[in-house]
């Protein structure tokens, strides 16, 4: 069975504890603190791997954990960082929060390697806590805990063109004829189970990727049959080919079929109907004469709506050249960037309790913000990335920290200092 969906639990590594120790040497009777810092916990990293094309590796194993950081040692020795856990998935895999359904990461396009969960920070050793009045601190900081979260993995096939239609209209035959794909072809009355991908090569080095989306049935958007499992594969495509049986070999009404499939697409995701559509009227080799009543009805019904009708025969190849070059021309005038889903949820945000924080004014005029949840958030978030920094700003706003800064008189251009990081404030 083709595995394009899996639910797993992932956990980043705990940070190692800071160490408490004191320098003890023969001629240094009053050596100061020399406890080292704990190592950072390992990250959970998702990596697109060309050698993987299903999510079957995640069907039978449910929990995946990165390594924990080691405790710091004597003589300022830093604990070893925990080992990152790299989870290999097919390109096109979307990682969602299982609780909310929001996108955490899309392993596609330029984002083939993404850190989904950061490991906990290592705790500071007692060497950091020496002061003029406390020269022998006997405590160190514990390491931060890692984050554990349940995620839903969904494979959404990356293709320029999606081929849709009811079972037995000839989609697999078309794909096998115009691409290098080798789908199983037979008179199945249910449907193809696997989305098949193939590359269409045209003259002059042109071409595109086409996906045979498994046959849809009415009720697919409600999850009837295999509907939901396959409707998601259409979301990334830029153009859709509706394939119908123009000869009505099995007594189906092609016009009713197109409307039925569009209804399922709209129920699943209304944005799908905004994609350009083309109609491939197949099996014209079984029609006598150049034109027939069904073709004329298809043209009259759909061409005024911008859906061009191409009579073809997937068996003999008639009409395929015109269809493929028309689609290639459509794609040339569309955005060439792949459809990549933006992050909607940062897992670190779920793990903050209502903990106190302070906002104080330093001697140099900077606003110093400190508190356990702020320190944790900085530890879990990559604020060097634009997306990470935006989520950190969202966190400050939702926690009421920005409001407190404004009440204390902060203005544009003022400096905000948080645990070694400095930011310029702009509203």
Protein backbone atom coordinates (compact mmCIF):
# COMPACT_ATOMS: atom_id res chain seq x y z
CA UNK A 1 0.00 0.00 0.00
CA UNK A 2 1.30 3.43 -0.95
CA UNK A 3 1.97 5.35 2.29
CA UNK A 4 1.44 9.09 1.89
CA UNK A 5 0.28 9.91 5.41
CA UNK A 6 1.64 9.09 8.86
CA UNK A 7 1.24 10.34 12.43
CA UNK A 8 4.34 10.26 14.65
CA UNK A 9 5.70 11.72 17.90
CA UNK A 10 8.99 13.61 17.70
CA UNK A 11 11.11 14.87 20.58
CA UNK A 12 14.20 17.07 20.55
CA UNK A 13 17.00 16.33 23.00
CA UNK A 14 17.25 17.73 26.53
CA UNK A 15 20.10 20.12 27.25
CA UNK A 16 22.78 18.81 29.59
CA UNK A 17 23.00 20.21 33.13
CA UNK A 18 25.65 22.72 34.08
CA UNK A 19 28.37 21.35 36.40
CA UNK A 20 29.39 22.45 39.91
CA UNK A 21 33.10 22.10 40.62
CA UNK A 22 36.07 24.14 41.90
CA UNK A 23 39.63 24.42 40.76
CA UNK A 24 41.84 22.21 42.91
CA UNK A 25 45.58 22.45 42.23
CA UNK A 26 48.61 22.04 44.45
CA UNK A 27 49.67 25.68 44.51
CA UNK A 28 46.22 27.20 44.10
CA UNK A 29 44.54 26.64 47.48
CA UNK A 30 41.61 28.94 46.81
CA UNK A 31 40.77 28.05 43.20
CA UNK A 32 37.52 29.49 41.93
CA UNK A 33 34.55 27.75 40.33
CA UNK A 34 35.34 25.86 37.09
CA UNK A 35 32.12 23.94 36.36
CA UNK A 36 31.52 23.63 32.62
CA UNK A 37 28.29 24.19 30.69
CA UNK A 38 26.00 21.37 29.63
CA UNK A 39 25.79 20.37 25.98
CA UNK A 40 22.89 21.41 23.76
CA UNK A 41 20.17 18.85 23.06
CA UNK A 42 19.95 17.39 19.56
CA UNK A 43 17.57 18.88 16.96
CA UNK A 44 14.88 17.06 14.99
CA UNK A 45 15.71 17.67 11.32
CA UNK A 46 13.59 16.72 8.30
CA UNK A 47 15.50 16.10 5.07
CA UNK A 48 14.17 15.53 1.56
CA UNK A 49 15.76 12.38 0.12
CA UNK A 50 15.45 11.55 -3.59
CA UNK A 51 15.77 7.86 -2.76
CA UNK A 52 12.59 7.90 -0.65
CA UNK A 53 9.18 8.11 -2.30
CA UNK A 54 6.74 7.06 0.44
CA UNK A 55 6.24 7.60 4.17
CA UNK A 56 6.18 3.86 4.89
CA UNK A 57 9.17 4.18 7.29
CA UNK A 58 6.87 6.09 9.65
CA UNK A 59 3.93 3.69 9.56
CA UNK A 60 5.20 1.17 12.10
CA UNK A 61 7.55 3.18 14.31
CA UNK A 62 5.74 5.93 16.19
CA UNK A 63 8.30 7.79 18.30
CA UNK A 64 11.54 9.47 17.24
CA UNK A 65 13.92 11.22 19.66
CA UNK A 66 17.13 13.21 19.22
CA UNK A 67 20.09 12.76 21.60
CA UNK A 68 20.38 14.52 24.96
CA UNK A 69 23.23 16.90 25.73
CA UNK A 70 25.78 15.71 28.27
CA UNK A 71 26.46 17.39 31.62
CA UNK A 72 29.35 19.85 31.80
CA UNK A 73 32.57 18.74 33.46
CA UNK A 74 35.40 20.00 35.63
CA UNK A 75 38.02 22.46 34.39
CA UNK A 76 35.45 24.38 32.35
CA UNK A 77 34.83 21.37 30.11
CA UNK A 78 31.73 21.80 27.95
CA UNK A 79 29.36 18.83 27.83
CA UNK A 80 29.01 17.06 24.48
CA UNK A 81 26.07 18.23 22.39
CA UNK A 82 23.28 15.74 21.76
CA UNK A 83 23.18 14.12 18.35
CA UNK A 84 20.66 15.56 15.86
CA UNK A 85 18.08 13.13 14.51
CA UNK A 86 17.65 13.40 10.74
CA UNK A 87 14.34 12.06 9.43
CA UNK A 88 14.45 11.37 5.69
CA UNK A 89 11.21 11.95 3.80
CA UNK A 90 10.15 12.34 0.15
CA UNK A 91 10.29 15.84 -1.28
CA UNK A 92 6.82 17.31 -0.98
CA UNK A 93 6.22 16.14 2.60
CA UNK A 94 4.31 18.63 4.75
CA UNK A 95 4.80 18.44 8.53
CA UNK A 96 1.70 19.55 10.44
CA UNK A 97 0.85 19.92 14.10
CA UNK A 98 -1.47 16.96 14.76
CA UNK A 99 -3.50 18.94 17.30
CA UNK A 100 -4.31 22.01 15.19
CA UNK A 101 -3.60 20.84 11.63
CA UNK A 102 -1.39 23.92 11.07
CA UNK A 103 1.73 23.68 8.89
CA UNK A 104 5.05 23.50 10.74
CA UNK A 105 7.28 22.84 7.72
CA UNK A 106 7.05 22.00 4.03
CA UNK A 107 10.03 19.94 2.87
CA UNK A 108 9.97 21.23 -0.71
CA UNK A 109 11.62 23.63 -3.13
CA UNK A 110 14.57 25.42 -1.51
CA UNK A 111 13.62 24.07 1.91
CA UNK A 112 14.81 20.50 1.54
CA UNK A 113 16.43 20.50 5.00
CA UNK A 114 14.58 22.03 7.93
CA UNK A 115 15.02 21.99 11.69
CA UNK A 116 11.51 21.33 12.99
CA UNK A 117 12.33 21.06 16.72
CA UNK A 118 15.38 22.65 18.34
CA UNK A 119 17.05 20.85 21.22
CA UNK A 120 17.10 22.37 24.70
CA UNK A 121 19.95 24.69 25.67
CA UNK A 122 22.64 23.34 27.94
CA UNK A 123 22.66 24.68 31.49
CA UNK A 124 25.38 27.08 32.63
CA UNK A 125 28.12 25.78 34.94
CA UNK A 126 28.80 27.39 38.32
CA UNK A 127 31.73 29.41 36.87
CA UNK A 128 29.14 31.84 35.45
CA UNK A 129 27.66 32.70 38.84
CA UNK A 130 30.73 33.96 40.69
CA UNK A 131 30.44 37.55 41.94
CA UNK A 132 32.45 39.78 44.23
CA UNK A 133 30.25 38.72 47.15
CA UNK A 134 29.68 35.10 46.05
CA UNK A 135 33.05 33.75 44.96
CA UNK A 136 32.23 30.08 45.43
CA UNK A 137 28.74 29.47 44.00
CA UNK A 138 27.57 25.94 44.68
CA UNK A 139 24.85 25.83 42.04
CA UNK A 140 24.59 25.54 38.28
CA UNK A 141 21.68 25.75 35.84
CA UNK A 142 19.85 22.63 34.68
CA UNK A 143 19.59 22.06 30.94
CA UNK A 144 16.41 22.99 29.08
CA UNK A 145 14.03 20.17 28.32
CA UNK A 146 13.49 19.20 24.72
CA UNK A 147 10.13 19.61 23.00
CA UNK A 148 7.84 16.66 22.37
CA UNK A 149 5.01 16.99 19.88
CA UNK A 150 2.78 14.78 17.75
CA UNK A 151 2.95 15.65 14.07
CA UNK A 152 1.09 14.60 10.96
CA UNK A 153 3.19 13.90 7.87
CA UNK A 154 1.42 14.34 4.54
CA UNK A 155 3.01 13.69 1.18
CA UNK A 156 1.69 16.12 -1.42
CA UNK A 157 3.03 15.15 -4.83
CA UNK A 158 4.98 17.89 -6.62
CA UNK A 159 3.87 18.04 -10.24
CA UNK A 160 3.11 20.84 -12.71
CA UNK A 161 0.05 19.11 -14.11
CA UNK A 162 -2.56 16.95 -12.40
CA UNK A 163 -4.50 14.37 -14.41
CA UNK A 164 -7.98 13.79 -12.95
CA UNK A 165 -10.96 11.74 -14.03
CA UNK A 166 -13.18 8.85 -13.06
CA UNK A 167 -11.74 5.31 -13.18
CA UNK A 168 -11.22 3.69 -16.58
CA UNK A 169 -11.17 6.88 -18.65
CA UNK A 170 -7.57 6.13 -19.75
CA UNK A 171 -5.37 8.23 -17.46
CA UNK A 172 -2.78 5.51 -16.87
CA UNK A 173 -2.62 4.75 -20.60
CA UNK A 174 -2.03 8.44 -21.37
CA UNK A 175 0.69 8.74 -18.73
CA UNK A 176 2.50 5.65 -20.01
CA UNK A 177 2.41 6.98 -23.58
CA UNK A 178 3.60 10.57 -23.03
CA UNK A 179 6.07 10.07 -20.15
CA UNK A 180 8.68 7.67 -18.82
CA UNK A 181 6.27 6.39 -16.15
CA UNK A 182 5.22 2.74 -16.18
CA UNK A 183 1.88 2.55 -14.36
CA UNK A 184 -0.04 -0.71 -14.10
CA UNK A 185 -2.75 -0.65 -16.76
CA UNK A 186 -5.85 -2.83 -16.73
CA UNK A 187 -9.62 -2.48 -16.73
CA UNK A 188 -9.86 -1.79 -13.02
CA UNK A 189 -13.34 -0.77 -11.97
CA UNK A 190 -12.12 0.69 -8.69
CA UNK A 191 -9.12 2.98 -9.21
CA UNK A 192 -5.37 3.28 -9.45
CA UNK A 193 -4.05 3.20 -5.88
CA UNK A 194 -0.80 5.14 -6.30
CA UNK A 195 -0.29 8.63 -7.72
CA UNK A 196 2.02 8.04 -10.70
CA UNK A 197 4.48 10.74 -11.75
CA UNK A 198 6.09 11.10 -15.16
CA UNK A 199 8.12 13.67 -17.07
CA UNK A 200 6.82 14.89 -20.44
CA UNK A 201 9.77 15.72 -22.72
CA UNK A 202 9.00 18.07 -25.63
CA UNK A 203 11.19 19.35 -28.44
CA UNK A 204 13.69 22.08 -27.60
CA UNK A 205 14.36 20.85 -24.08
CA UNK A 206 10.90 21.84 -22.90
CA UNK A 207 8.68 19.69 -20.74
CA UNK A 208 6.84 19.33 -17.45
CA UNK A 209 5.98 16.88 -14.69
CA UNK A 210 2.55 15.27 -14.83
CA UNK A 211 0.83 13.26 -12.07
CA UNK A 212 -1.94 10.75 -12.62
CA UNK A 213 -4.11 11.51 -9.60
CA UNK A 214 -5.99 8.31 -8.67
CA UNK A 215 -9.57 8.12 -9.92
CA UNK A 216 -12.00 10.15 -7.88
CA UNK A 217 -15.50 9.12 -6.92
CA UNK A 218 -18.42 11.19 -5.72
CA UNK A 219 -18.10 11.73 -1.98
CA UNK A 220 -14.28 11.79 -2.13
CA UNK A 221 -14.13 15.14 -0.31
CA UNK A 222 -15.99 13.55 2.61
CA UNK A 223 -13.37 10.82 2.74
CA UNK A 224 -15.44 8.21 0.88
CA UNK A 225 -13.19 5.56 -0.62
CA UNK A 226 -9.64 6.92 -0.87
CA UNK A 227 -10.74 10.49 -1.50
CA UNK A 228 -8.85 12.51 1.11
CA UNK A 229 -5.71 10.42 0.67
CA UNK A 230 -5.43 11.55 -2.95
CA UNK A 231 -7.13 14.93 -3.20
CA UNK A 232 -4.15 16.47 -1.39
CA UNK A 233 -1.90 15.60 -4.34
CA UNK A 234 -3.77 18.08 -6.56
CA UNK A 235 -2.97 21.03 -4.29
CA UNK A 236 0.53 21.65 -5.69
CA UNK A 237 -0.36 21.32 -9.39
CA UNK A 238 -0.65 24.42 -11.58
CA UNK A 239 -2.87 23.02 -14.35
CA UNK A 240 -5.44 20.23 -14.27
CA UNK A 241 -6.38 17.95 -17.14
CA UNK A 242 -9.90 16.55 -16.88
CA UNK A 243 -9.89 13.26 -18.76
CA UNK A 244 -13.27 11.93 -19.92
CA UNK A 245 -14.49 9.05 -22.05
CA UNK A 246 -15.77 10.81 -25.18
CA UNK A 247 -17.03 7.51 -26.63
CA UNK A 248 -19.07 6.71 -23.49
CA UNK A 249 -17.78 3.14 -23.68
CA UNK A 250 -19.14 2.41 -20.19
CA UNK A 251 -22.24 4.56 -20.56
CA UNK A 252 -20.95 7.51 -18.48
CA UNK A 253 -21.93 11.13 -19.17
CA UNK A 254 -18.63 13.09 -19.60
CA UNK A 255 -20.25 16.46 -18.81
CA UNK A 256 -21.76 15.13 -15.57
CA UNK A 257 -18.37 13.56 -14.69
CA UNK A 258 -16.52 16.89 -15.00
CA UNK A 259 -19.06 18.67 -12.82
CA UNK A 260 -18.98 15.85 -10.25
CA UNK A 261 -15.18 15.99 -9.96
CA UNK A 262 -15.16 19.79 -9.75
CA UNK A 263 -17.71 19.55 -6.96
CA UNK A 264 -15.40 17.22 -5.02
CA UNK A 265 -12.42 19.54 -5.62
CA UNK A 266 -14.41 22.54 -4.39
CA UNK A 267 -15.61 20.69 -1.28
CA UNK A 268 -12.05 19.71 -0.41
CA UNK A 269 -10.45 23.10 -1.14
CA UNK A 270 -12.26 25.89 -3.07
CA UNK A 271 -8.92 27.30 -4.26
CA UNK A 272 -8.48 24.23 -6.47
CA UNK A 273 -11.13 25.52 -8.87
CA UNK A 274 -9.02 28.64 -9.46
CA UNK A 275 -6.44 26.51 -11.27
CA UNK A 276 -6.65 26.47 -15.09
CA UNK A 277 -8.35 23.35 -16.47
CA UNK A 278 -8.16 21.57 -19.82
CA UNK A 279 -10.43 18.76 -21.02
CA UNK A 280 -8.94 15.70 -22.72
CA UNK A 281 -11.79 13.89 -24.51
CA UNK A 282 -10.30 10.40 -24.78
CA UNK A 283 -11.15 7.28 -26.83
CA UNK A 284 -11.95 9.14 -30.07
CA UNK A 285 -10.54 6.07 -31.86
CA UNK A 286 -13.83 4.42 -30.89
CA UNK A 287 -15.86 7.21 -32.53
CA UNK A 288 -16.96 7.14 -36.16
CA UNK A 289 -16.21 10.37 -38.02
CA UNK A 290 -14.29 13.48 -36.97
CA UNK A 291 -16.99 14.92 -34.75
CA UNK A 292 -19.71 13.47 -32.61
CA UNK A 293 -22.51 14.68 -30.41
CA UNK A 294 -20.59 14.26 -27.15
CA UNK A 295 -17.61 16.33 -28.38
CA UNK A 296 -19.90 19.10 -29.57
CA UNK A 297 -21.72 19.16 -26.22
CA UNK A 298 -18.41 19.27 -24.31
CA UNK A 299 -17.21 22.24 -26.38
CA UNK A 300 -20.51 24.09 -26.06
CA UNK A 301 -20.61 23.53 -22.28
CA UNK A 302 -17.02 24.23 -21.24
CA UNK A 303 -15.13 26.29 -23.85
CA UNK A 304 -17.16 29.45 -23.02
CA UNK A 305 -15.91 28.92 -19.43
CA UNK A 306 -12.27 28.91 -20.56
CA UNK A 307 -11.79 25.11 -20.53
CA UNK A 308 -10.49 24.08 -23.94
CA UNK A 309 -11.50 20.63 -25.22
CA UNK A 310 -8.92 18.40 -26.97
CA UNK A 311 -10.13 15.18 -28.65
CA UNK A 312 -7.42 12.53 -28.14
CA UNK A 313 -6.72 8.83 -28.25
CA UNK A 314 -4.33 7.67 -25.54
CA UNK A 315 -4.01 4.34 -27.39
CA UNK A 316 -3.20 5.58 -30.91
CA UNK A 317 -1.62 8.90 -29.89
CA UNK A 318 -3.97 11.01 -31.96
CA UNK A 319 -4.32 14.59 -30.68
CA UNK A 320 -1.68 14.19 -27.94
CA UNK A 321 0.84 16.57 -29.49
CA UNK A 322 -1.70 19.42 -29.62
CA UNK A 323 -2.75 18.78 -26.00
CA UNK A 324 0.79 18.64 -24.60
CA UNK A 325 2.07 21.74 -26.41
CA UNK A 326 -1.00 23.70 -25.33
CA UNK A 327 -0.34 22.79 -21.68
CA UNK A 328 3.35 23.65 -22.04
CA UNK A 329 2.37 27.07 -23.41
CA UNK A 330 0.04 27.61 -20.44
CA UNK A 331 2.81 26.74 -17.97
CA UNK A 332 5.23 29.17 -19.64
CA UNK A 333 2.94 32.05 -18.66
CA UNK A 334 2.58 30.94 -15.05
CA UNK A 335 4.74 31.40 -11.97
CA UNK A 336 7.57 28.86 -12.27
CA UNK A 337 8.21 28.61 -8.54
CA UNK A 338 6.87 25.44 -6.92
CA UNK A 339 3.92 25.71 -4.56
CA UNK A 340 5.40 25.65 -1.03
CA UNK A 341 3.26 25.97 2.09
CA UNK A 342 4.29 28.66 4.57
CA UNK A 343 4.82 27.91 8.24
CA UNK A 344 1.70 28.56 10.32
CA UNK A 345 2.75 27.20 13.71
CA UNK A 346 5.90 27.17 15.84
CA UNK A 347 5.95 24.12 18.18
CA UNK A 348 7.95 26.02 20.81
CA UNK A 349 4.98 28.32 21.50
CA UNK A 350 2.93 25.52 23.04
CA UNK A 351 5.40 24.90 25.86
CA UNK A 352 5.28 28.19 27.73
CA UNK A 353 3.43 28.49 31.01
CA UNK A 354 2.38 31.76 32.59
CA UNK A 355 5.72 32.62 34.14
CA UNK A 356 6.77 36.05 35.45
CA UNK A 357 9.14 38.33 33.61
CA UNK A 358 10.70 41.72 34.31
CA UNK A 359 11.19 44.84 32.20
CA UNK A 360 13.84 47.22 33.55
CA UNK A 361 15.75 50.25 32.25
CA UNK A 362 19.53 49.86 32.15
CA UNK A 363 21.97 52.73 32.83
CA UNK A 364 22.65 53.13 29.11
CA UNK A 365 18.92 53.56 28.42
CA UNK A 366 18.32 50.09 27.01
CA UNK A 367 15.24 48.11 28.08
CA UNK A 368 16.27 44.80 29.67
CA UNK A 369 13.65 42.04 29.51
CA UNK A 370 14.24 38.84 31.48
CA UNK A 371 12.21 35.84 32.58
CA UNK A 372 12.19 32.03 32.28
CA UNK A 373 9.80 31.88 29.32
CA UNK A 374 11.78 34.47 27.35
CA UNK A 375 15.00 32.58 27.94
CA UNK A 376 13.30 29.35 26.86
CA UNK A 377 11.87 30.92 23.71
CA UNK A 378 15.27 32.27 22.70
CA UNK A 379 16.70 28.81 23.23
CA UNK A 380 14.14 27.10 21.01
CA UNK A 381 13.85 29.68 18.23
CA UNK A 382 16.26 30.44 15.42
CA UNK A 383 15.93 34.23 15.47
CA UNK A 384 18.63 34.57 12.80
CA UNK A 385 16.06 33.41 10.22
CA UNK A 386 13.34 35.80 9.07
CA UNK A 387 10.58 33.28 9.84
CA UNK A 388 11.98 32.53 13.30
CA UNK A 389 12.27 36.22 14.15
CA UNK A 390 8.66 36.84 13.06
CA UNK A 391 7.47 34.05 15.38
CA UNK A 392 9.55 35.54 18.21
CA UNK A 393 7.89 38.93 17.64
CA UNK A 394 4.49 37.21 17.68
CA UNK A 395 5.43 35.55 20.98
CA UNK A 396 6.40 38.91 22.55
CA UNK A 397 3.13 40.45 21.42
CA UNK A 398 0.93 37.54 22.61
CA UNK A 399 2.67 37.40 26.00
CA UNK A 400 1.99 41.13 26.56
CA UNK A 401 5.70 42.01 26.66
CA UNK A 402 5.49 44.58 23.85
CA UNK A 403 2.56 46.24 25.63
CA UNK A 404 4.59 46.47 28.85
CA UNK A 405 7.51 48.03 26.97
CA UNK A 406 5.20 50.65 25.47
CA UNK A 407 3.74 51.43 28.91
CA UNK A 408 7.29 52.05 30.15
CA UNK A 409 7.82 54.63 27.42
CA UNK A 410 9.78 52.76 24.73
CA UNK A 411 9.98 54.62 21.39
CA UNK A 412 11.19 53.72 17.91
CA UNK A 413 14.94 53.18 17.81
CA UNK A 414 15.31 52.23 21.50
CA UNK A 415 17.36 49.14 22.32
CA UNK A 416 15.82 46.02 23.86
CA UNK A 417 18.24 43.56 25.50
CA UNK A 418 17.35 39.92 26.21
CA UNK A 419 19.89 37.34 27.36
CA UNK A 420 22.78 38.46 25.18
CA UNK A 421 20.60 39.53 22.24
CA UNK A 422 19.99 43.16 21.35
CA UNK A 423 17.13 44.43 19.18
CA UNK A 424 16.12 47.86 17.93
CA UNK A 425 12.48 48.56 18.73
CA UNK A 426 10.18 49.70 15.91
CA UNK A 427 6.41 49.66 16.18
